[in-house]
């Protein structure tokens, strides 16, 4: 269950937006306080400075008529044009507020013909281009593609002329439902960590049929022949998910040699090496999933499980309460084509370099764990890894990754403060933000650690769970202390439900406990940490 987070959501709109706002509030796991501006107050709202305002998210809802009033073949500036200019200025001044805009309807007026109609169509598409260009320019701006959303429903099913005339609300119930879904997805991308692992069954999920009964010739997986085409599309979506940074794992009650043979001989979008880890045997699937969690060193609340068999799903749900399970209905495999689209916390607004190579990183992790099992001692294991630690300070190119880590790292996180990309930029402008990269003989683990120092206080100290067990955290802290010398550093531990493993981290590394209560500790360092193992350290720029 996702913990509730409180935010203030404000909107300004050229329609009666309250029904959409109510649906957003109802559907999301956020605890939302809604603030409404009067209708058509875009210019007034965007002209206001919000440097000290407590609004977290501002929805700016735009409609086509804002850009058409006074427009004549593109020669006149409209109120909508003014809004775009003000929006750009507002975003430059208010970097800590998330703003969500929308594309506008590009349907041309039926009474226009010939060149006038062509000019209008070009103008409306130009507006959407300008809005999308703003999104590329400003990190804290997001866009709902309302045009495509309504087109999927159909204009006649979306629009009610009567509703518009009576309430200044042009949309029917289905359009309100779908539009609110788009806003919820963006809000949850901002405020909740993304899932990390998709665990899938094989038979009647990755393909139609059962290998052990139907054999290779009876398996349905074909891009041009239903029902095989549905499974083909589902595999393509899993491939895209993997390329976006999600880890694919396979759990199947089967003979492993049969699975290997299927991937070697069948033409499919997925290859066997697209799966970071697989457990193909006759054990119960819950035990296999728990084993995968241990191997990858990832919490089960970051997993989703997809299977065609409702019995298997219920068994996993019962054994692993924190996991989310979804059924691939093999009787109607076409429903599987949209399955991933409808699962919360799978999508990501932007893919970092670390996301793109996530499968490779975790495949390396599996090899490290195998080495650890075969090592005689922890010291022998760590020496065999040939660890190197690289760090940078206020590196602009790492802002996305640093923001990601602050938002999704829970276990090894001393304060669990969450920061957006714009927050990290502001912290770099005024303070010192350290990022740490770990490299060993198996490969580059990427940026796995962050430390933020504000005016002599360690505001945040965190490390990705994939770097646990290598004794690098003490070297990270030692590096920060050495760089901040001769200043005496203070530090905090703020207790959460997930970070109790680090409740004594600072004491174990030479910091003095100054004060504490049940949920909070305050420290001061007088000596720099002395790590148990020597790791090669280098600063990079």
Protein backbone atom coordinates (compact mmCIF):
# COMPACT_ATOMS: atom_id res chain seq x y z
CA UNK A 1 0.00 0.00 0.00
CA UNK A 2 1.41 3.41 -1.01
CA UNK A 3 1.70 5.84 1.91
CA UNK A 4 -0.44 8.96 1.64
CA UNK A 5 1.43 12.17 0.86
CA UNK A 6 -0.20 15.58 1.35
CA UNK A 7 -0.03 18.17 -1.41
CA UNK A 8 -1.80 21.40 -2.28
CA UNK A 9 -3.15 21.29 -5.84
CA UNK A 10 -4.29 24.56 -7.38
CA UNK A 11 -5.97 25.07 -10.73
CA UNK A 12 -6.86 27.91 -13.06
CA UNK A 13 -9.03 27.11 -16.05
CA UNK A 14 -11.19 28.41 -18.87
CA UNK A 15 -13.80 25.72 -18.13
CA UNK A 16 -15.53 24.55 -14.97
CA UNK A 17 -12.67 22.30 -13.85
CA UNK A 18 -14.02 21.20 -10.44
CA UNK A 19 -15.51 17.85 -11.66
CA UNK A 20 -12.10 16.85 -13.09
CA UNK A 21 -10.34 17.99 -9.90
CA UNK A 22 -12.73 15.93 -7.75
CA UNK A 23 -12.00 12.83 -9.85
CA UNK A 24 -8.26 13.43 -9.51
CA UNK A 25 -8.61 13.65 -5.73
CA UNK A 26 -10.73 10.48 -5.61
CA UNK A 27 -8.41 8.35 -7.75
CA UNK A 28 -4.94 9.18 -6.50
CA UNK A 29 -3.08 7.92 -3.44
CA UNK A 30 -2.14 11.51 -2.70
CA UNK A 31 -3.96 13.43 0.02
CA UNK A 32 -4.93 16.54 -1.92
CA UNK A 33 -6.07 19.97 -0.79
CA UNK A 34 -7.70 21.62 -3.81
CA UNK A 35 -7.46 25.38 -4.37
CA UNK A 36 -9.63 26.83 -7.16
CA UNK A 37 -9.11 30.13 -8.97
CA UNK A 38 -12.00 31.89 -10.64
CA UNK A 39 -12.60 30.98 -14.26
CA UNK A 40 -10.45 32.77 -16.89
CA UNK A 41 -7.98 34.05 -14.28
CA UNK A 42 -4.89 32.68 -16.06
CA UNK A 43 -3.22 36.05 -16.57
CA UNK A 44 -3.88 37.19 -12.99
CA UNK A 45 -2.64 33.90 -11.51
CA UNK A 46 0.52 33.65 -13.62
CA UNK A 47 1.36 37.29 -12.93
CA UNK A 48 1.59 36.53 -9.21
CA UNK A 49 4.94 35.68 -7.65
CA UNK A 50 4.93 32.36 -5.80
CA UNK A 51 8.38 32.22 -4.30
CA UNK A 52 6.87 31.91 -0.80
CA UNK A 53 3.57 30.31 -1.79
CA UNK A 54 2.82 26.83 -0.47
CA UNK A 55 1.17 25.50 -3.64
CA UNK A 56 2.78 22.24 -4.73
CA UNK A 57 1.11 21.73 -8.12
CA UNK A 58 -0.59 24.27 -10.38
CA UNK A 59 -2.84 23.00 -13.18
CA UNK A 60 -3.21 25.55 -15.98
CA UNK A 61 -6.09 24.34 -18.15
CA UNK A 62 -6.24 25.86 -21.63
CA UNK A 63 -8.95 25.73 -24.30
CA UNK A 64 -9.01 26.56 -27.98
CA UNK A 65 -11.28 29.58 -27.59
CA UNK A 66 -8.57 31.38 -25.56
CA UNK A 67 -6.47 31.45 -28.73
CA UNK A 68 -9.24 32.26 -31.23
CA UNK A 69 -10.82 35.36 -29.72
CA UNK A 70 -9.50 38.26 -31.73
CA UNK A 71 -7.43 36.01 -33.97
CA UNK A 72 -7.54 36.75 -37.68
CA UNK A 73 -5.35 34.57 -39.87
CA UNK A 74 -2.60 34.71 -37.25
CA UNK A 75 -2.23 38.51 -37.34
CA UNK A 76 -3.62 39.34 -33.89
CA UNK A 77 -2.24 38.38 -30.49
CA UNK A 78 -4.77 36.62 -28.28
CA UNK A 79 -5.22 36.16 -24.53
CA UNK A 80 -3.90 32.62 -25.04
CA UNK A 81 -0.68 33.96 -26.56
CA UNK A 82 -0.30 36.20 -23.53
CA UNK A 83 -0.84 33.21 -21.23
CA UNK A 84 1.98 31.25 -22.94
CA UNK A 85 4.36 34.20 -22.50
CA UNK A 86 3.42 34.59 -18.83
CA UNK A 87 3.69 30.85 -18.26
CA UNK A 88 7.28 30.88 -19.51
CA UNK A 89 8.11 33.76 -17.16
CA UNK A 90 6.29 32.13 -14.23
CA UNK A 91 8.28 28.90 -14.64
CA UNK A 92 11.56 30.80 -14.67
CA UNK A 93 10.71 32.50 -11.36
CA UNK A 94 8.93 29.65 -9.53
CA UNK A 95 11.18 26.64 -9.87
CA UNK A 96 9.78 24.78 -6.85
CA UNK A 97 6.19 24.51 -8.13
CA UNK A 98 5.11 21.74 -10.48
CA UNK A 99 2.93 23.01 -13.32
CA UNK A 100 0.69 20.87 -15.54
CA UNK A 101 -0.67 22.19 -18.83
CA UNK A 102 -2.61 20.49 -21.62
CA UNK A 103 -2.76 20.34 -25.39
CA UNK A 104 -5.73 22.07 -26.99
CA UNK A 105 -8.35 20.76 -29.42
CA UNK A 106 -7.18 21.22 -33.03
CA UNK A 107 -10.54 20.61 -34.75
CA UNK A 108 -11.19 23.47 -37.17
CA UNK A 109 -14.48 25.37 -37.29
CA UNK A 110 -16.86 23.77 -39.81
CA UNK A 111 -17.96 27.08 -41.29
CA UNK A 112 -14.42 27.82 -42.48
CA UNK A 113 -13.36 26.58 -45.90
CA UNK A 114 -10.31 26.62 -48.16
CA UNK A 115 -7.24 28.58 -47.11
CA UNK A 116 -8.94 30.03 -44.02
CA UNK A 117 -9.48 26.54 -42.67
CA UNK A 118 -5.91 25.53 -43.51
CA UNK A 119 -4.56 28.62 -41.74
CA UNK A 120 -6.62 27.86 -38.64
CA UNK A 121 -5.49 24.22 -38.54
CA UNK A 122 -1.86 25.34 -38.86
CA UNK A 123 -2.33 27.92 -36.10
CA UNK A 124 -3.89 25.44 -33.65
CA UNK A 125 -1.13 22.90 -34.23
CA UNK A 126 1.44 25.66 -33.78
CA UNK A 127 -0.02 26.38 -30.33
CA UNK A 128 0.41 22.76 -29.28
CA UNK A 129 3.96 22.84 -30.63
CA UNK A 130 4.69 25.94 -28.52
CA UNK A 131 3.24 24.30 -25.42
CA UNK A 132 5.26 21.12 -25.95
CA UNK A 133 8.39 23.22 -26.51
CA UNK A 134 7.87 24.83 -23.09
CA UNK A 135 7.82 21.35 -21.54
CA UNK A 136 11.20 20.61 -23.11
CA UNK A 137 12.54 23.88 -21.71
CA UNK A 138 11.32 23.68 -18.10
CA UNK A 139 12.05 20.71 -15.83
CA UNK A 140 9.07 21.36 -13.54
CA UNK A 141 6.49 21.53 -16.37
CA UNK A 142 4.37 18.53 -17.37
CA UNK A 143 1.77 18.19 -20.14
CA UNK A 144 -1.46 16.21 -20.45
CA UNK A 145 -2.17 15.28 -24.06
CA UNK A 146 -5.88 16.12 -23.84
CA UNK A 147 -6.18 16.18 -27.65
CA UNK A 148 -5.18 12.53 -28.02
CA UNK A 149 -7.13 11.50 -24.94
CA UNK A 150 -10.39 12.92 -26.30
CA UNK A 151 -9.67 11.59 -29.78
CA UNK A 152 -9.42 8.04 -28.39
CA UNK A 153 -12.88 8.42 -26.89
CA UNK A 154 -14.30 10.18 -29.93
CA UNK A 155 -15.40 13.82 -30.10
CA UNK A 156 -19.12 12.96 -30.05
CA UNK A 157 -18.64 10.83 -26.93
CA UNK A 158 -16.49 13.49 -25.28
CA UNK A 159 -18.30 16.76 -25.86
CA UNK A 160 -21.69 17.94 -24.61
CA UNK A 161 -22.83 21.26 -26.06
CA UNK A 162 -25.59 21.47 -23.43
CA UNK A 163 -23.11 20.98 -20.58
CA UNK A 164 -20.94 23.73 -22.01
CA UNK A 165 -23.82 26.17 -22.36
CA UNK A 166 -25.30 25.43 -18.93
CA UNK A 167 -22.16 24.90 -16.80
CA UNK A 168 -19.22 26.00 -18.94
CA UNK A 169 -18.18 22.33 -18.83
CA UNK A 170 -17.92 20.88 -22.35
CA UNK A 171 -17.11 17.30 -21.32
CA UNK A 172 -19.27 14.25 -20.79
CA UNK A 173 -18.65 11.81 -17.92
CA UNK A 174 -16.37 9.52 -19.94
CA UNK A 175 -14.11 12.42 -20.95
CA UNK A 176 -13.90 13.63 -17.35
CA UNK A 177 -12.95 10.11 -16.29
CA UNK A 178 -10.21 9.72 -18.91
CA UNK A 179 -8.77 13.22 -18.48
CA UNK A 180 -8.58 12.80 -14.70
CA UNK A 181 -6.65 9.54 -15.26
CA UNK A 182 -4.05 11.46 -17.28
CA UNK A 183 -3.55 13.97 -14.45
CA UNK A 184 -3.33 11.21 -11.83
CA UNK A 185 -0.62 9.45 -13.82
CA UNK A 186 1.49 12.62 -13.96
CA UNK A 187 0.99 13.41 -10.26
CA UNK A 188 2.00 9.92 -9.25
CA UNK A 189 5.05 10.04 -11.53
CA UNK A 190 6.11 13.14 -9.60
CA UNK A 191 5.41 12.00 -6.06
CA UNK A 192 5.71 8.20 -5.92
CA UNK A 193 8.65 5.91 -6.68
CA UNK A 194 8.37 3.81 -9.78
CA UNK A 195 8.04 0.04 -9.55
CA UNK A 196 11.28 -1.76 -10.31
CA UNK A 197 10.55 -5.38 -11.26
CA UNK A 198 7.97 -7.05 -13.51
CA UNK A 199 7.73 -10.77 -12.79
CA UNK A 200 5.91 -12.71 -15.53
CA UNK A 201 4.77 -16.25 -16.08
CA UNK A 202 5.56 -17.93 -19.42
CA UNK A 203 2.76 -20.27 -20.58
CA UNK A 204 -0.42 -18.43 -21.62
CA UNK A 205 1.22 -15.14 -20.64
CA UNK A 206 4.31 -14.62 -22.79
CA UNK A 207 2.76 -16.85 -25.45
CA UNK A 208 -0.46 -18.71 -26.08
CA UNK A 209 -0.39 -22.36 -25.09
CA UNK A 210 1.50 -24.62 -22.70
CA UNK A 211 4.98 -25.74 -23.71
CA UNK A 212 4.81 -29.08 -21.90
CA UNK A 213 1.51 -30.00 -23.55
CA UNK A 214 1.39 -28.20 -26.90
CA UNK A 215 5.09 -28.32 -27.78
CA UNK A 216 6.88 -25.63 -29.81
CA UNK A 217 4.62 -26.12 -32.84
CA UNK A 218 1.51 -25.48 -30.75
CA UNK A 219 2.66 -22.21 -29.22
CA UNK A 220 0.81 -19.07 -30.38
CA UNK A 221 3.15 -16.10 -30.93
CA UNK A 222 2.85 -14.40 -34.33
CA UNK A 223 2.70 -10.69 -35.24
CA UNK A 224 0.12 -11.26 -38.00
CA UNK A 225 -2.11 -14.06 -36.71
CA UNK A 226 -4.55 -13.75 -33.77
CA UNK A 227 -4.33 -14.80 -30.96
CA UNK A 228 -0.54 -14.95 -31.37
CA UNK A 229 -0.52 -11.27 -32.33
CA UNK A 230 -1.84 -10.27 -28.89
CA UNK A 231 1.01 -12.10 -27.16
CA UNK A 232 3.47 -10.56 -29.63
CA UNK A 233 2.28 -7.06 -28.72
CA UNK A 234 2.44 -7.87 -25.01
CA UNK A 235 6.05 -9.01 -25.39
CA UNK A 236 6.84 -5.81 -27.29
CA UNK A 237 5.47 -3.79 -24.39
CA UNK A 238 7.54 -5.78 -21.91
CA UNK A 239 10.60 -5.11 -24.09
CA UNK A 240 9.87 -1.36 -24.01
CA UNK A 241 9.42 -1.52 -20.23
CA UNK A 242 12.80 -3.23 -19.91
CA UNK A 243 14.45 -0.62 -22.14
CA UNK A 244 12.95 2.11 -19.95
CA UNK A 245 14.67 0.75 -16.85
CA UNK A 246 12.26 -1.85 -15.45
CA UNK A 247 13.72 -5.24 -14.60
CA UNK A 248 12.11 -8.31 -16.17
CA UNK A 249 12.08 -11.58 -14.25
CA UNK A 250 10.48 -14.88 -15.22
CA UNK A 251 8.82 -17.29 -12.82
CA UNK A 252 7.34 -20.38 -14.46
CA UNK A 253 6.36 -23.89 -13.44
CA UNK A 254 8.16 -25.61 -16.28
CA UNK A 255 11.30 -27.42 -17.31
CA UNK A 256 14.05 -24.84 -17.78
CA UNK A 257 15.44 -26.64 -20.85
CA UNK A 258 12.01 -26.30 -22.51
CA UNK A 259 12.01 -22.54 -21.86
CA UNK A 260 15.52 -22.20 -23.26
CA UNK A 261 14.52 -24.19 -26.34
CA UNK A 262 11.46 -21.96 -26.88
CA UNK A 263 13.56 -18.80 -26.87
CA UNK A 264 16.17 -20.40 -29.12
CA UNK A 265 13.70 -21.55 -31.78
CA UNK A 266 10.64 -19.27 -31.67
CA UNK A 267 10.60 -15.85 -33.32
CA UNK A 268 9.62 -13.48 -30.49
CA UNK A 269 10.25 -9.84 -29.53
CA UNK A 270 11.83 -10.88 -26.22
CA UNK A 271 15.09 -12.79 -25.90
CA UNK A 272 16.07 -14.87 -22.92
CA UNK A 273 18.75 -12.35 -21.92
CA UNK A 274 16.08 -9.64 -21.62
CA UNK A 275 15.23 -11.32 -18.33
CA UNK A 276 17.67 -10.33 -15.61
CA UNK A 277 16.79 -13.42 -13.63
CA UNK A 278 14.51 -16.42 -14.05
CA UNK A 279 13.23 -19.13 -11.77
CA UNK A 280 11.89 -21.99 -13.88
CA UNK A 281 11.12 -25.00 -11.69
CA UNK A 282 8.24 -26.72 -9.92
CA UNK A 283 8.41 -24.81 -6.63
CA UNK A 284 5.62 -22.46 -5.55
CA UNK A 285 5.86 -19.09 -7.26
CA UNK A 286 5.82 -17.06 -4.06
CA UNK A 287 9.04 -18.74 -2.88
CA UNK A 288 10.65 -18.11 -6.26
CA UNK A 289 9.65 -14.44 -6.19
CA UNK A 290 11.04 -14.05 -2.66
CA UNK A 291 14.27 -15.65 -3.85
CA UNK A 292 14.47 -13.15 -6.72
CA UNK A 293 13.92 -10.30 -4.24
CA UNK A 294 16.86 -11.56 -2.19
CA UNK A 295 19.08 -12.02 -5.24
CA UNK A 296 18.38 -8.53 -6.54
CA UNK A 297 18.38 -6.96 -3.07
CA UNK A 298 15.08 -5.21 -3.84
CA UNK A 299 12.00 -4.90 -1.66
CA UNK A 300 8.92 -6.88 -2.71
CA UNK A 301 6.82 -3.70 -2.65
CA UNK A 302 8.70 -2.68 -5.81
CA UNK A 303 7.56 -5.85 -7.64
CA UNK A 304 4.51 -6.58 -9.77
CA UNK A 305 3.52 -10.13 -10.76
CA UNK A 306 1.64 -11.08 -13.94
CA UNK A 307 0.20 -14.58 -14.46
CA UNK A 308 -2.73 -16.09 -16.34
CA UNK A 309 -3.68 -18.45 -13.52
CA UNK A 310 -5.84 -16.86 -10.81
CA UNK A 311 -4.91 -19.68 -8.38
CA UNK A 312 -1.21 -18.79 -8.70
CA UNK A 313 -2.03 -15.11 -8.28
CA UNK A 314 -4.00 -15.70 -5.10
CA UNK A 315 -1.26 -17.93 -3.69
CA UNK A 316 1.32 -15.18 -4.29
CA UNK A 317 -0.97 -12.49 -2.85
CA UNK A 318 -1.50 -14.54 0.29
CA UNK A 319 2.20 -15.33 0.77
CA UNK A 320 3.53 -11.85 -0.14
CA UNK A 321 1.04 -9.17 1.02
CA UNK A 322 3.10 -6.27 -0.34
CA UNK A 323 3.23 -7.41 -3.96
CA UNK A 324 0.82 -6.24 -6.66
CA UNK A 325 -0.61 -8.99 -8.90
CA UNK A 326 -2.37 -8.78 -12.27
CA UNK A 327 -4.04 -11.44 -14.37
CA UNK A 328 -3.27 -11.91 -18.05
CA UNK A 329 -6.58 -13.28 -19.29
CA UNK A 330 -5.52 -15.85 -21.87
CA UNK A 331 -9.13 -16.40 -22.96
CA UNK A 332 -9.18 -12.79 -24.17
CA UNK A 333 -5.47 -12.07 -24.81
CA UNK A 334 -6.25 -8.80 -26.60
CA UNK A 335 -6.89 -7.29 -23.15
CA UNK A 336 -3.25 -7.94 -22.38
CA UNK A 337 -2.22 -5.39 -24.98
CA UNK A 338 -3.27 -2.56 -22.62
CA UNK A 339 -2.41 -4.35 -19.36
CA UNK A 340 0.87 -2.53 -18.65
CA UNK A 341 -0.67 0.84 -19.52
CA UNK A 342 -3.20 0.42 -16.72
CA UNK A 343 -0.77 -0.59 -13.96
CA UNK A 344 0.13 2.32 -11.63
CA UNK A 345 3.74 3.35 -11.00
CA UNK A 346 5.22 1.71 -14.09
CA UNK A 347 5.60 4.79 -16.29
CA UNK A 348 8.41 7.33 -16.04
CA UNK A 349 8.53 10.92 -17.29
CA UNK A 350 12.21 10.77 -18.22
CA UNK A 351 14.66 7.90 -18.57
CA UNK A 352 18.14 8.39 -17.10
CA UNK A 353 21.30 6.70 -18.36
CA UNK A 354 21.16 4.38 -15.33
CA UNK A 355 17.55 3.47 -16.15
CA UNK A 356 18.46 2.51 -19.70
CA UNK A 357 21.05 -0.03 -18.56
CA UNK A 358 19.17 -1.31 -15.49
CA UNK A 359 18.94 -4.90 -16.76
CA UNK A 360 22.71 -5.01 -17.28
CA UNK A 361 23.35 -3.54 -13.81
CA UNK A 362 21.20 -6.13 -12.05
CA UNK A 363 22.58 -8.99 -14.14
CA UNK A 364 25.98 -7.93 -12.80
CA UNK A 365 24.47 -7.94 -9.31
CA UNK A 366 23.41 -11.56 -9.70
CA UNK A 367 27.00 -12.46 -10.63
CA UNK A 368 28.31 -10.57 -7.57
CA UNK A 369 25.97 -12.50 -5.31
CA UNK A 370 27.18 -15.78 -6.78
CA UNK A 371 30.77 -14.69 -6.10
CA UNK A 372 29.80 -13.78 -2.52
CA UNK A 373 28.34 -17.24 -1.91
CA UNK A 374 31.57 -18.87 -3.12
CA UNK A 375 33.88 -16.59 -1.13
CA UNK A 376 35.40 -17.74 2.14
CA UNK A 377 34.83 -14.43 4.01
CA UNK A 378 33.39 -10.96 3.56
CA UNK A 379 36.89 -9.46 3.34
CA UNK A 380 37.89 -11.99 0.66
CA UNK A 381 34.70 -11.20 -1.27
CA UNK A 382 35.22 -7.42 -1.12
CA UNK A 383 38.84 -7.72 -2.22
CA UNK A 384 37.78 -9.89 -5.16
CA UNK A 385 35.39 -7.16 -6.34
CA UNK A 386 38.28 -4.67 -6.88
CA UNK A 387 36.04 -1.79 -5.79
CA UNK A 388 36.55 1.80 -6.89
CA UNK A 389 34.58 4.80 -5.65
CA UNK A 390 34.22 7.93 -7.77
CA UNK A 391 32.53 11.11 -6.59
CA UNK A 392 31.53 14.49 -7.95
CA UNK A 393 30.31 17.73 -6.38
CA UNK A 394 27.44 19.80 -7.84
CA UNK A 395 27.56 17.99 -11.17
CA UNK A 396 24.79 19.35 -13.38
CA UNK A 397 24.76 16.27 -15.60
CA UNK A 398 23.73 14.10 -12.62
CA UNK A 399 20.70 16.15 -11.47
CA UNK A 400 18.14 13.70 -12.88
CA UNK A 401 19.78 10.66 -11.26
CA UNK A 402 20.27 12.44 -7.92
CA UNK A 403 16.61 13.49 -7.84
CA UNK A 404 15.57 9.92 -8.66
CA UNK A 405 17.62 8.53 -5.79
CA UNK A 406 16.22 11.01 -3.27
CA UNK A 407 12.70 10.01 -4.28
CA UNK A 408 12.97 6.24 -4.39
CA UNK A 409 15.65 5.31 -1.83
CA UNK A 410 14.03 4.19 1.42
CA UNK A 411 16.17 1.68 3.33
CA UNK A 412 19.59 3.32 3.39
CA UNK A 413 18.35 6.89 3.70
CA UNK A 414 19.12 8.80 6.88
CA UNK A 415 16.47 11.53 6.49
CA UNK A 416 14.29 10.41 3.53
CA UNK A 417 13.87 13.96 2.27
CA UNK A 418 12.43 13.98 -1.26
CA UNK A 419 13.70 16.46 -3.86
CA UNK A 420 12.67 17.26 -7.43
CA UNK A 421 15.14 18.10 -10.19
CA UNK A 422 14.49 21.80 -9.68
CA UNK A 423 15.09 21.34 -5.94
CA UNK A 424 18.45 19.68 -6.67
CA UNK A 425 19.38 22.51 -9.02
CA UNK A 426 18.62 25.03 -6.26
CA UNK A 427 20.63 23.00 -3.75
CA UNK A 428 23.60 22.92 -6.14
CA UNK A 429 23.33 26.68 -6.65
CA UNK A 430 23.55 27.35 -2.91
CA UNK A 431 25.09 24.32 -1.21
CA UNK A 432 27.09 21.16 -1.97
CA UNK A 433 25.58 18.03 -3.49
CA UNK A 434 27.84 14.95 -3.68
CA UNK A 435 27.14 12.03 -5.98
CA UNK A 436 28.97 8.70 -5.73
CA UNK A 437 29.58 6.08 -8.40
CA UNK A 438 30.75 2.51 -7.68
CA UNK A 439 32.78 0.49 -10.19
CA UNK A 440 34.05 -3.05 -9.71
CA UNK A 441 35.39 -5.90 -11.83
CA UNK A 442 31.88 -6.83 -12.95
CA UNK A 443 31.05 -3.39 -14.30
CA UNK A 444 29.90 0.15 -13.57
CA UNK A 445 27.08 0.29 -11.01
CA UNK A 446 26.40 3.93 -11.87
CA UNK A 447 25.49 6.67 -9.40
CA UNK A 448 24.41 4.87 -6.23
CA UNK A 449 24.96 7.41 -3.44
CA UNK A 450 24.06 11.02 -2.61
CA UNK A 451 25.06 13.38 0.18
CA UNK A 452 23.69 16.92 0.47
CA UNK A 453 25.49 19.34 2.81
CA UNK A 454 23.71 22.57 3.74
CA UNK A 455 25.60 25.10 5.86
CA UNK A 456 27.60 22.49 7.73
CA UNK A 457 24.71 20.05 8.19
CA UNK A 458 24.30 16.75 6.34
CA UNK A 459 20.77 17.28 5.09
CA UNK A 460 20.61 13.96 3.20
CA UNK A 461 22.79 10.87 3.12
CA UNK A 462 21.52 7.94 1.10
CA UNK A 463 22.62 4.97 -0.94
CA UNK A 464 20.84 2.72 -3.40
CA UNK A 465 20.02 -0.72 -2.06
CA UNK A 466 21.94 -2.27 -4.94
CA UNK A 467 25.19 -1.02 -3.37
CA UNK A 468 24.52 -2.52 0.07
CA UNK A 469 26.93 -5.07 1.45
CA UNK A 470 30.11 -3.58 -0.04
CA UNK A 471 31.17 -1.37 2.87
CA UNK A 472 31.26 1.70 0.60
CA UNK A 473 28.97 3.82 2.79
CA UNK A 474 31.69 4.56 5.36
CA UNK A 475 34.07 5.59 2.60
CA UNK A 476 31.39 7.90 1.20
CA UNK A 477 30.95 9.57 4.59
CA UNK A 478 34.74 9.81 5.10
CA UNK A 479 35.05 11.51 1.70
CA UNK A 480 32.40 14.10 2.62
CA UNK A 481 34.01 14.82 5.98
CA UNK A 482 37.43 15.30 4.38
CA UNK A 483 36.03 17.66 1.76
CA UNK A 484 34.15 19.74 4.33
CA UNK A 485 37.16 20.09 6.67
CA UNK A 486 38.02 22.02 8.76
CA UNK A 487 34.30 22.56 9.42
CA UNK A 488 32.60 20.43 12.05
CA UNK A 489 29.63 18.69 10.49
CA UNK A 490 26.26 18.02 12.06
CA UNK A 491 23.91 15.29 10.88
CA UNK A 492 20.44 13.88 11.48
CA UNK A 493 18.67 10.55 11.48
CA UNK A 494 14.89 10.73 10.96
CA UNK A 495 13.17 7.41 11.59
CA UNK A 496 10.73 5.94 9.04
CA UNK A 497 9.13 2.53 8.71
CA UNK A 498 11.82 1.44 6.24
CA UNK A 499 15.12 3.04 7.29
CA UNK A 500 15.75 1.51 10.71
CA UNK A 501 18.72 -0.43 9.32
CA UNK A 502 20.70 2.87 9.42
CA UNK A 503 19.53 4.04 12.86
CA UNK A 504 23.10 3.66 14.26
CA UNK A 505 25.05 4.50 11.10
CA UNK A 506 26.50 7.78 12.35
CA UNK A 507 27.49 6.36 15.77
CA UNK A 508 29.29 3.47 14.02
CA UNK A 509 31.27 6.01 11.99
CA UNK A 510 32.58 8.20 14.79
CA UNK A 511 29.83 10.84 15.07
CA UNK A 512 28.79 12.00 18.54
CA UNK A 513 25.11 11.70 19.45
CA UNK A 514 24.05 15.13 20.77
CA UNK A 515 20.31 14.62 21.31
CA UNK A 516 17.53 12.19 20.42
CA UNK A 517 13.92 11.15 20.82
CA UNK A 518 11.98 8.13 19.56
CA UNK A 519 12.03 9.25 15.92
CA UNK A 520 14.98 11.61 15.63
CA UNK A 521 18.71 11.78 16.37
CA UNK A 522 21.07 14.75 16.08
CA UNK A 523 24.86 14.31 15.70
CA UNK A 524 28.15 16.17 15.52
CA UNK A 525 31.38 14.78 14.08
CA UNK A 526 34.72 15.31 15.77
CA UNK A 527 36.75 12.74 13.85
CA UNK A 528 36.42 11.46 10.31
CA UNK A 529 35.17 7.90 9.83
CA UNK A 530 37.67 5.04 9.58
CA UNK A 531 36.25 2.44 7.15
CA UNK A 532 37.00 -1.23 7.76
CA UNK A 533 38.13 -1.76 4.17
CA UNK A 534 40.27 0.45 1.97
CA UNK A 535 38.57 1.43 -1.28
CA UNK A 536 40.23 3.40 -4.07
CA UNK A 537 38.67 6.90 -4.27
CA UNK A 538 38.82 9.50 -7.06
CA UNK A 539 37.02 12.80 -7.70
CA UNK A 540 35.57 13.24 -11.18
CA UNK A 541 34.12 16.29 -12.88
